């Protein structure tokens, strides 16, 4: 329920600072070596976190998350390909 609300806030551009702050905390939890409630949602948390940073004009923070995701999700996977696509697009605009 919380993730759905955070993802909606990112999509709608509402409370971006609060949403990205909470998603950042959840991203750290989701990436832990031990399984937890957020492990299965890690790709979505990272994706929405990076989008939230971009919507809030924080490109460097978005790139940091996307680079972490690129290490976790390889190219030729659906998430890996989308991460590469957005990273390439951001680099063209920097």
PDB file of N, CA and C in Angstrom:
ATOM      1  N   UNK A   1       0.828  -1.184   0.000  1.00  0.00           N
ATOM      2  CA  UNK A   1       0.000   0.000   0.000  1.00  0.00           C
ATOM      3  C   UNK A   1       0.883   1.262   0.000  1.00  0.00           C
ATOM      4  N   UNK A   2       1.915   1.249   0.843  1.00  0.00           N
ATOM      5  CA  UNK A   2       2.807   2.410   0.893  1.00  0.00           C
ATOM      6  C   UNK A   2       3.523   2.608  -0.439  1.00  0.00           C
ATOM      7  N   UNK A   3       4.023   1.517  -1.013  1.00  0.00           N
ATOM      8  CA  UNK A   3       4.727   1.629  -2.289  1.00  0.00           C
ATOM      9  C   UNK A   3       3.807   2.171  -3.372  1.00  0.00           C
ATOM     10  N   UNK A   4       2.593   1.699  -3.404  1.00  0.00           N
ATOM     11  CA  UNK A   4       1.633   2.182  -4.396  1.00  0.00           C
ATOM     12  C   UNK A   4       1.433   3.686  -4.266  1.00  0.00           C
ATOM     13  N   UNK A   5       1.314   4.184  -3.045  1.00  0.00           N
ATOM     14  CA  UNK A   5       1.137   5.602  -2.808  1.00  0.00           C
ATOM     15  C   UNK A   5       2.379   6.380  -3.262  1.00  0.00           C
ATOM     16  N   UNK A   6       3.568   5.862  -2.925  1.00  0.00           N
ATOM     17  CA  UNK A   6       4.806   6.537  -3.323  1.00  0.00           C
ATOM     18  C   UNK A   6       4.959   6.566  -4.844  1.00  0.00           C
ATOM     19  N   UNK A   7       4.664   5.449  -5.488  1.00  0.00           N
ATOM     20  CA  UNK A   7       4.762   5.395  -6.943  1.00  0.00           C
ATOM     21  C   UNK A   7       3.778   6.365  -7.590  1.00  0.00           C
ATOM     22  N   UNK A   8       2.582   6.454  -7.031  1.00  0.00           N
ATOM     23  CA  UNK A   8       1.583   7.391  -7.545  1.00  0.00           C
ATOM     24  C   UNK A   8       2.055   8.827  -7.379  1.00  0.00           C
ATOM     25  N   UNK A   9       2.640   9.137  -6.218  1.00  0.00           N
ATOM     26  CA  UNK A   9       3.158  10.490  -5.996  1.00  0.00           C
ATOM     27  C   UNK A   9       4.233  10.841  -7.023  1.00  0.00           C
ATOM     28  N   UNK A  10       5.104   9.893  -7.318  1.00  0.00           N
ATOM     29  CA  UNK A  10       6.148  10.137  -8.314  1.00  0.00           C
ATOM     30  C   UNK A  10       5.512  10.369  -9.681  1.00  0.00           C
ATOM     31  N   UNK A  11       4.585   9.508 -10.051  1.00  0.00           N
ATOM     32  CA  UNK A  11       3.927   9.612 -11.351  1.00  0.00           C
ATOM     33  C   UNK A  11       3.198  10.939 -11.506  1.00  0.00           C
ATOM     34  N   UNK A  12       2.558  11.378 -10.432  1.00  0.00           N
ATOM     35  CA  UNK A  12       1.776  12.616 -10.486  1.00  0.00           C
ATOM     36  C   UNK A  12       2.586  13.852 -10.110  1.00  0.00           C
ATOM     37  N   UNK A  13       3.837  13.665  -9.694  1.00  0.00           N
ATOM     38  CA  UNK A  13       4.688  14.796  -9.325  1.00  0.00           C
ATOM     39  C   UNK A  13       4.300  15.453  -8.012  1.00  0.00           C
ATOM     40  N   UNK A  14       3.708  14.683  -7.106  1.00  0.00           N
ATOM     41  CA  UNK A  14       3.275  15.209  -5.807  1.00  0.00           C
ATOM     42  C   UNK A  14       4.293  14.848  -4.730  1.00  0.00           C
ATOM     43  N   UNK A  15       4.558  15.778  -3.834  1.00  0.00           N
ATOM     44  CA  UNK A  15       5.445  15.520  -2.689  1.00  0.00           C
ATOM     45  C   UNK A  15       6.720  14.794  -3.108  1.00  0.00           C
ATOM     46  N   UNK A  16       7.366  15.274  -4.158  1.00  0.00           N
ATOM     47  CA  UNK A  16       8.533  14.572  -4.695  1.00  0.00           C
ATOM     48  C   UNK A  16       9.650  14.425  -3.673  1.00  0.00           C
ATOM     49  N   UNK A  17       9.912  15.464  -2.893  1.00  0.00           N
ATOM     50  CA  UNK A  17      10.998  15.383  -1.912  1.00  0.00           C
ATOM     51  C   UNK A  17      10.717  14.298  -0.874  1.00  0.00           C
ATOM     52  N   UNK A  18       9.493  14.259  -0.377  1.00  0.00           N
ATOM     53  CA  UNK A  18       9.136  13.235   0.609  1.00  0.00           C
ATOM     54  C   UNK A  18       9.115  11.843  -0.012  1.00  0.00           C
ATOM     55  N   UNK A  19       8.569  11.742  -1.213  1.00  0.00           N
ATOM     56  CA  UNK A  19       8.479  10.440  -1.879  1.00  0.00           C
ATOM     57  C   UNK A  19       9.865   9.888  -2.193  1.00  0.00           C
ATOM     58  N   UNK A  20      10.754  10.735  -2.721  1.00  0.00           N
ATOM     59  CA  UNK A  20      12.099  10.251  -3.046  1.00  0.00           C
ATOM     60  C   UNK A  20      12.888   9.924  -1.789  1.00  0.00           C
ATOM     61  N   UNK A  21      12.684  10.678  -0.740  1.00  0.00           N
ATOM     62  CA  UNK A  21      13.372  10.384   0.517  1.00  0.00           C
ATOM     63  C   UNK A  21      12.988   9.009   1.046  1.00  0.00           C
ATOM     64  N   UNK A  22      11.696   8.735   1.055  1.00  0.00           N
ATOM     65  CA  UNK A  22      11.230   7.428   1.541  1.00  0.00           C
ATOM     66  C   UNK A  22      11.649   6.304   0.598  1.00  0.00           C
ATOM     67  N   UNK A  23      11.540   6.540  -0.709  1.00  0.00           N
ATOM     68  CA  UNK A  23      11.957   5.515  -1.665  1.00  0.00           C
ATOM     69  C   UNK A  23      13.454   5.236  -1.559  1.00  0.00           C
ATOM     70  N   UNK A  24      14.240   6.264  -1.268  1.00  0.00           N
ATOM     71  CA  UNK A  24      15.682   6.045  -1.093  1.00  0.00           C
ATOM     72  C   UNK A  24      15.926   5.091   0.078  1.00  0.00           C
ATOM     73  N   UNK A  25      15.232   5.315   1.184  1.00  0.00           N
ATOM     74  CA  UNK A  25      15.372   4.420   2.338  1.00  0.00           C
ATOM     75  C   UNK A  25      14.960   2.993   1.969  1.00  0.00           C
ATOM     76  N   UNK A  26      13.857   2.866   1.246  1.00  0.00           N
ATOM     77  CA  UNK A  26      13.384   1.543   0.847  1.00  0.00           C
ATOM     78  C   UNK A  26      14.325   0.897  -0.175  1.00  0.00           C
ATOM     79  N   UNK A  27      14.942   1.706  -1.030  1.00  0.00           N
ATOM     80  CA  UNK A  27      15.920   1.206  -1.991  1.00  0.00           C
ATOM     81  C   UNK A  27      17.108   0.580  -1.255  1.00  0.00           C
ATOM     82  N   UNK A  28      17.558   1.247  -0.194  1.00  0.00           N
ATOM     83  CA  UNK A  28      18.669   0.703   0.589  1.00  0.00           C
ATOM     84  C   UNK A  28      18.280  -0.634   1.219  1.00  0.00           C
ATOM     85  N   UNK A  29      17.065  -0.727   1.713  1.00  0.00           N
ATOM     86  CA  UNK A  29      16.582  -1.991   2.279  1.00  0.00           C
ATOM     87  C   UNK A  29      16.456  -3.070   1.210  1.00  0.00           C
ATOM     88  N   UNK A  30      15.909  -2.698   0.077  1.00  0.00           N
ATOM     89  CA  UNK A  30      15.658  -3.676  -0.990  1.00  0.00           C
ATOM     90  C   UNK A  30      16.943  -4.281  -1.534  1.00  0.00           C
ATOM     91  N   UNK A  31      18.042  -3.540  -1.482  1.00  0.00           N
ATOM     92  CA  UNK A  31      19.315  -4.016  -2.029  1.00  0.00           C
ATOM     93  C   UNK A  31      20.116  -4.873  -1.049  1.00  0.00           C
ATOM     94  N   UNK A  32      19.658  -4.986   0.173  1.00  0.00           N
ATOM     95  CA  UNK A  32      20.407  -5.754   1.166  1.00  0.00           C
ATOM     96  C   UNK A  32      20.568  -7.204   0.738  1.00  0.00           C
ATOM     97  N   UNK A  33      21.636  -7.821   1.231  1.00  0.00           N
ATOM     98  CA  UNK A  33      21.915  -9.209   0.887  1.00  0.00           C
ATOM     99  C   UNK A  33      20.868 -10.175   1.428  1.00  0.00           C
ATOM    100  N   UNK A  34      20.279  -9.817   2.549  1.00  0.00           N
ATOM    101  CA  UNK A  34      19.269 -10.699   3.128  1.00  0.00           C
ATOM    102  C   UNK A  34      17.894 -10.338   2.580  1.00  0.00           C
ATOM    103  N   UNK A  35      17.082 -11.355   2.378  1.00  0.00           N
ATOM    104  CA  UNK A  35      15.732 -11.158   1.853  1.00  0.00           C
ATOM    105  C   UNK A  35      14.900 -10.378   2.866  1.00  0.00           C
ATOM    106  N   UNK A  36      14.109  -9.434   2.376  1.00  0.00           N
ATOM    107  CA  UNK A  36      13.196  -8.690   3.243  1.00  0.00           C
ATOM    108  C   UNK A  36      11.935  -8.350   2.446  1.00  0.00           C
ATOM    109  N   UNK A  37      11.031  -7.630   3.070  1.00  0.00           N
ATOM    110  CA  UNK A  37       9.744  -7.321   2.443  1.00  0.00           C
ATOM    111  C   UNK A  37       9.862  -6.534   1.137  1.00  0.00           C
ATOM    112  N   UNK A  38      10.989  -5.865   0.923  1.00  0.00           N
ATOM    113  CA  UNK A  38      11.145  -5.003  -0.242  1.00  0.00           C
ATOM    114  C   UNK A  38      12.013  -5.607  -1.338  1.00  0.00           C
ATOM    115  N   UNK A  39      12.600  -6.754  -1.094  1.00  0.00           N
ATOM    116  CA  UNK A  39      13.513  -7.380  -2.053  1.00  0.00           C
ATOM    117  C   UNK A  39      12.864  -7.552  -3.420  1.00  0.00           C
ATOM    118  N   UNK A  40      11.668  -8.094  -3.456  1.00  0.00           N
ATOM    119  CA  UNK A  40      11.001  -8.348  -4.739  1.00  0.00           C
ATOM    120  C   UNK A  40      10.589  -7.067  -5.462  1.00  0.00           C
ATOM    121  N   UNK A  41      10.509  -5.973  -4.737  1.00  0.00           N
ATOM    122  CA  UNK A  41      10.095  -4.702  -5.325  1.00  0.00           C
ATOM    123  C   UNK A  41      11.274  -3.815  -5.703  1.00  0.00           C
ATOM    124  N   UNK A  42      12.485  -4.294  -5.515  1.00  0.00           N
ATOM    125  CA  UNK A  42      13.689  -3.491  -5.754  1.00  0.00           C
ATOM    126  C   UNK A  42      13.716  -2.835  -7.133  1.00  0.00           C
ATOM    127  N   UNK A  43      13.432  -3.554  -8.219  1.00  0.00           N
ATOM    128  CA  UNK A  43      13.487  -2.878  -9.526  1.00  0.00           C
ATOM    129  C   UNK A  43      12.508  -1.723  -9.639  1.00  0.00           C
ATOM    130  N   UNK A  44      11.327  -1.884  -9.071  1.00  0.00           N
ATOM    131  CA  UNK A  44      10.322  -0.821  -9.130  1.00  0.00           C
ATOM    132  C   UNK A  44      10.709   0.355  -8.241  1.00  0.00           C
ATOM    133  N   UNK A  45      11.231   0.051  -7.074  1.00  0.00           N
ATOM    134  CA  UNK A  45      11.652   1.106  -6.149  1.00  0.00           C
ATOM    135  C   UNK A  45      12.767   1.924  -6.793  1.00  0.00           C
ATOM    136  N   UNK A  46      13.758   1.255  -7.342  1.00  0.00           N
ATOM    137  CA  UNK A  46      14.857   1.964  -7.993  1.00  0.00           C
ATOM    138  C   UNK A  46      14.384   2.783  -9.175  1.00  0.00           C
ATOM    139  N   UNK A  47      13.499   2.203  -9.966  1.00  0.00           N
ATOM    140  CA  UNK A  47      12.992   2.892 -11.150  1.00  0.00           C
ATOM    141  C   UNK A  47      12.235   4.165 -10.758  1.00  0.00           C
ATOM    142  N   UNK A  48      11.281   4.031  -9.859  1.00  0.00           N
ATOM    143  CA  UNK A  48      10.501   5.202  -9.464  1.00  0.00           C
ATOM    144  C   UNK A  48      11.350   6.217  -8.714  1.00  0.00           C
ATOM    145  N   UNK A  49      12.323   5.762  -7.953  1.00  0.00           N
ATOM    146  CA  UNK A  49      13.232   6.681  -7.270  1.00  0.00           C
ATOM    147  C   UNK A  49      14.002   7.511  -8.292  1.00  0.00           C
ATOM    148  N   UNK A  50      14.551   6.861  -9.304  1.00  0.00           N
ATOM    149  CA  UNK A  50      15.306   7.605 -10.311  1.00  0.00           C
ATOM    150  C   UNK A  50      14.398   8.563 -11.083  1.00  0.00           C
ATOM    151  N   UNK A  51      13.195   8.140 -11.399  1.00  0.00           N
ATOM    152  CA  UNK A  51      12.248   9.017 -12.094  1.00  0.00           C
ATOM    153  C   UNK A  51      11.874  10.200 -11.196  1.00  0.00           C
ATOM    154  N   UNK A  52      11.671   9.934  -9.917  1.00  0.00           N
ATOM    155  CA  UNK A  52      11.368  11.018  -8.981  1.00  0.00           C
ATOM    156  C   UNK A  52      12.485  12.038  -8.916  1.00  0.00           C
ATOM    157  N   UNK A  53      13.718  11.566  -8.887  1.00  0.00           N
ATOM    158  CA  UNK A  53      14.854  12.494  -8.891  1.00  0.00           C
ATOM    159  C   UNK A  53      14.875  13.312 -10.177  1.00  0.00           C
ATOM    160  N   UNK A  54      14.632  12.667 -11.302  1.00  0.00           N
ATOM    161  CA  UNK A  54      14.615  13.400 -12.567  1.00  0.00           C
ATOM    162  C   UNK A  54      13.502  14.444 -12.586  1.00  0.00           C
ATOM    163  N   UNK A  55      12.343  14.078 -12.089  1.00  0.00           N
ATOM    164  CA  UNK A  55      11.210  15.029 -12.078  1.00  0.00           C
ATOM    165  C   UNK A  55      11.485  16.198 -11.143  1.00  0.00           C
ATOM    166  N   UNK A  56      12.351  15.972 -10.149  1.00  0.00           N
ATOM    167  CA  UNK A  56      12.691  17.023  -9.188  1.00  0.00           C
ATOM    168  C   UNK A  56      14.012  17.708  -9.559  1.00  0.00           C
ATOM    169  N   UNK A  57      14.459  17.497 -10.803  1.00  0.00           N
ATOM    170  CA  UNK A  57      15.660  18.142 -11.355  1.00  0.00           C
ATOM    171  C   UNK A  57      16.941  17.781 -10.607  1.00  0.00           C
ATOM    172  N   UNK A  58      17.016  16.554 -10.124  1.00  0.00           N
ATOM    173  CA  UNK A  58      18.206  16.069  -9.429  1.00  0.00           C
ATOM    174  C   UNK A  58      18.851  14.959 -10.278  1.00  0.00           C
ATOM    175  N   UNK A  59      19.429  15.372 -11.407  1.00  0.00           N
ATOM    176  CA  UNK A  59      19.962  14.416 -12.372  1.00  0.00           C
ATOM    177  C   UNK A  59      21.098  13.573 -11.810  1.00  0.00           C
ATOM    178  N   UNK A  60      21.958  14.188 -11.003  1.00  0.00           N
ATOM    179  CA  UNK A  60      23.087  13.421 -10.455  1.00  0.00           C
ATOM    180  C   UNK A  60      22.614  12.300  -9.546  1.00  0.00           C
ATOM    181  N   UNK A  61      21.620  12.581  -8.730  1.00  0.00           N
ATOM    182  CA  UNK A  61      21.072  11.534  -7.861  1.00  0.00           C
ATOM    183  C   UNK A  61      20.408  10.447  -8.695  1.00  0.00           C
ATOM    184  N   UNK A  62      19.690  10.842  -9.727  1.00  0.00           N
ATOM    185  CA  UNK A  62      19.053   9.863 -10.609  1.00  0.00           C
ATOM    186  C   UNK A  62      20.105   8.989 -11.273  1.00  0.00           C
ATOM    187  N   UNK A  63      21.183   9.597 -11.744  1.00  0.00           N
ATOM    188  CA  UNK A  63      22.245   8.831 -12.401  1.00  0.00           C
ATOM    189  C   UNK A  63      22.898   7.852 -11.428  1.00  0.00           C
ATOM    190  N   UNK A  64      23.065   8.256 -10.179  1.00  0.00           N
ATOM    191  CA  UNK A  64      23.646   7.345  -9.181  1.00  0.00           C
ATOM    192  C   UNK A  64      22.772   6.098  -9.021  1.00  0.00           C
ATOM    193  N   UNK A  65      21.479   6.291  -8.907  1.00  0.00           N
ATOM    194  CA  UNK A  65      20.563   5.156  -8.755  1.00  0.00           C
ATOM    195  C   UNK A  65      20.558   4.306 -10.024  1.00  0.00           C
ATOM    196  N   UNK A  66      20.496   4.951 -11.169  1.00  0.00           N
ATOM    197  CA  UNK A  66      20.479   4.213 -12.432  1.00  0.00           C
ATOM    198  C   UNK A  66      21.774   3.427 -12.644  1.00  0.00           C
ATOM    199  N   UNK A  67      22.893   3.999 -12.243  1.00  0.00           N
ATOM    200  CA  UNK A  67      24.164   3.267 -12.349  1.00  0.00           C
ATOM    201  C   UNK A  67      24.183   2.052 -11.428  1.00  0.00           C
ATOM    202  N   UNK A  68      23.624   2.203 -10.232  1.00  0.00           N
ATOM    203  CA  UNK A  68      23.501   1.048  -9.332  1.00  0.00           C
ATOM    204  C   UNK A  68      22.615  -0.020  -9.969  1.00  0.00           C
ATOM    205  N   UNK A  69      21.522   0.424 -10.563  1.00  0.00           N
ATOM    206  CA  UNK A  69      20.602  -0.520 -11.195  1.00  0.00           C
ATOM    207  C   UNK A  69      21.272  -1.229 -12.374  1.00  0.00           C
ATOM    208  N   UNK A  70      22.105  -0.509 -13.117  1.00  0.00           N
ATOM    209  CA  UNK A  70      22.800  -1.107 -14.260  1.00  0.00           C
ATOM    210  C   UNK A  70      23.728  -2.232 -13.811  1.00  0.00           C
ATOM    211  N   UNK A  71      24.261  -2.115 -12.597  1.00  0.00           N
ATOM    212  CA  UNK A  71      25.114  -3.177 -12.066  1.00  0.00           C
ATOM    213  C   UNK A  71      24.294  -4.391 -11.626  1.00  0.00           C
ATOM    214  N   UNK A  72      23.083  -4.140 -11.176  1.00  0.00           N
ATOM    215  CA  UNK A  72      22.227  -5.219 -10.665  1.00  0.00           C
ATOM    216  C   UNK A  72      21.482  -5.927 -11.798  1.00  0.00           C
ATOM    217  N   UNK A  73      20.972  -5.153 -12.750  1.00  0.00           N
ATOM    218  CA  UNK A  73      20.127  -5.697 -13.818  1.00  0.00           C
ATOM    219  C   UNK A  73      20.880  -5.612 -15.142  1.00  0.00           C
ATOM    220  N   UNK A  74      21.297  -6.737 -15.665  1.00  0.00           N
ATOM    221  CA  UNK A  74      22.133  -6.731 -16.876  1.00  0.00           C
ATOM    222  C   UNK A  74      21.358  -6.332 -18.135  1.00  0.00           C
ATOM    223  N   UNK A  75      22.109  -5.819 -19.102  1.00  0.00           N
ATOM    224  CA  UNK A  75      21.537  -5.558 -20.417  1.00  0.00           C
ATOM    225  C   UNK A  75      21.029  -6.888 -20.953  1.00  0.00           C
ATOM    226  N   UNK A  76      20.002  -6.846 -21.720  1.00  0.00           N
ATOM    227  CA  UNK A  76      19.292  -8.003 -22.267  1.00  0.00           C
ATOM    228  C   UNK A  76      18.214  -8.502 -21.301  1.00  0.00           C
ATOM    229  N   UNK A  77      18.081  -7.846 -20.146  1.00  0.00           N
ATOM    230  CA  UNK A  77      16.918  -8.089 -19.291  1.00  0.00           C
ATOM    231  C   UNK A  77      16.010  -6.883 -19.488  1.00  0.00           C
ATOM    232  N   UNK A  78      14.735  -7.029 -19.252  1.00  0.00           N
ATOM    233  CA  UNK A  78      13.818  -5.909 -19.513  1.00  0.00           C
ATOM    234  C   UNK A  78      14.198  -4.672 -18.698  1.00  0.00           C
ATOM    235  N   UNK A  79      14.526  -4.844 -17.417  1.00  0.00           N
ATOM    236  CA  UNK A  79      14.901  -3.700 -16.596  1.00  0.00           C
ATOM    237  C   UNK A  79      16.262  -3.164 -17.025  1.00  0.00           C
ATOM    238  N   UNK A  80      17.201  -4.045 -17.297  1.00  0.00           N
ATOM    239  CA  UNK A  80      18.528  -3.611 -17.723  1.00  0.00           C
ATOM    240  C   UNK A  80      18.486  -2.793 -19.000  1.00  0.00           C
ATOM    241  N   UNK A  81      17.662  -3.212 -19.956  1.00  0.00           N
ATOM    242  CA  UNK A  81      17.542  -2.475 -21.216  1.00  0.00           C
ATOM    243  C   UNK A  81      16.917  -1.100 -21.007  1.00  0.00           C
ATOM    244  N   UNK A  82      15.898  -0.998 -20.153  1.00  0.00           N
ATOM    245  CA  UNK A  82      15.269   0.298 -19.877  1.00  0.00           C
ATOM    246  C   UNK A  82      16.231   1.224 -19.141  1.00  0.00           C
ATOM    247  N   UNK A  83      16.996   0.668 -18.214  1.00  0.00           N
ATOM    248  CA  UNK A  83      17.979   1.478 -17.486  1.00  0.00           C
ATOM    249  C   UNK A  83      19.012   2.017 -18.460  1.00  0.00           C
ATOM    250  N   UNK A  84      19.532   1.172 -19.325  1.00  0.00           N
ATOM    251  CA  UNK A  84      20.521   1.618 -20.307  1.00  0.00           C
ATOM    252  C   UNK A  84      19.943   2.698 -21.205  1.00  0.00           C
ATOM    253  N   UNK A  85      18.705   2.513 -21.630  1.00  0.00           N
ATOM    254  CA  UNK A  85      18.050   3.494 -22.499  1.00  0.00           C
ATOM    255  C   UNK A  85      17.961   4.864 -21.836  1.00  0.00           C
ATOM    256  N   UNK A  86      17.519   4.892 -20.595  1.00  0.00           N
ATOM    257  CA  UNK A  86      17.363   6.188 -19.922  1.00  0.00           C
ATOM    258  C   UNK A  86      18.721   6.799 -19.571  1.00  0.00           C
ATOM    259  N   UNK A  87      19.698   5.986 -19.205  1.00  0.00           N
ATOM    260  CA  UNK A  87      21.043   6.497 -18.917  1.00  0.00           C
ATOM    261  C   UNK A  87      21.633   7.127 -20.173  1.00  0.00           C
ATOM    262  N   UNK A  88      21.495   6.457 -21.302  1.00  0.00           N
ATOM    263  CA  UNK A  88      22.004   7.003 -22.563  1.00  0.00           C
ATOM    264  C   UNK A  88      21.323   8.333 -22.902  1.00  0.00           C
ATOM    265  N   UNK A  89      20.025   8.406 -22.684  1.00  0.00           N
ATOM    266  CA  UNK A  89      19.280   9.627 -22.961  1.00  0.00           C
ATOM    267  C   UNK A  89      19.729  10.775 -22.046  1.00  0.00           C
ATOM    268  N   UNK A  90      19.936  10.486 -20.779  1.00  0.00           N
ATOM    269  CA  UNK A  90      20.371  11.527 -19.839  1.00  0.00           C
ATOM    270  C   UNK A  90      21.765  12.008 -20.216  1.00  0.00           C
ATOM    271  N   UNK A  91      22.644  11.081 -20.559  1.00  0.00           N
ATOM    272  CA  UNK A  91      24.026  11.474 -20.935  1.00  0.00           C
ATOM    273  C   UNK A  91      24.028  12.365 -22.166  1.00  0.00           C
ATOM    274  N   UNK A  92      23.122  12.136 -23.085  1.00  0.00           N
ATOM    275  CA  UNK A  92      23.040  13.002 -24.268  1.00  0.00           C
ATOM    276  C   UNK A  92      22.644  14.424 -23.900  1.00  0.00           C
ATOM    277  N   UNK A  93      21.864  14.549 -22.854  1.00  0.00           N
ATOM    278  CA  UNK A  93      21.358  15.870 -22.452  1.00  0.00           C
ATOM    279  C   UNK A  93      22.227  16.575 -21.434  1.00  0.00           C
ATOM    280  N   UNK A  94      23.215  15.894 -20.868  1.00  0.00           N
ATOM    281  CA  UNK A  94      24.072  16.543 -19.857  1.00  0.00           C
ATOM    282  C   UNK A  94      25.107  17.399 -20.486  1.00  0.00           C
TER     283      UNK A  94
END
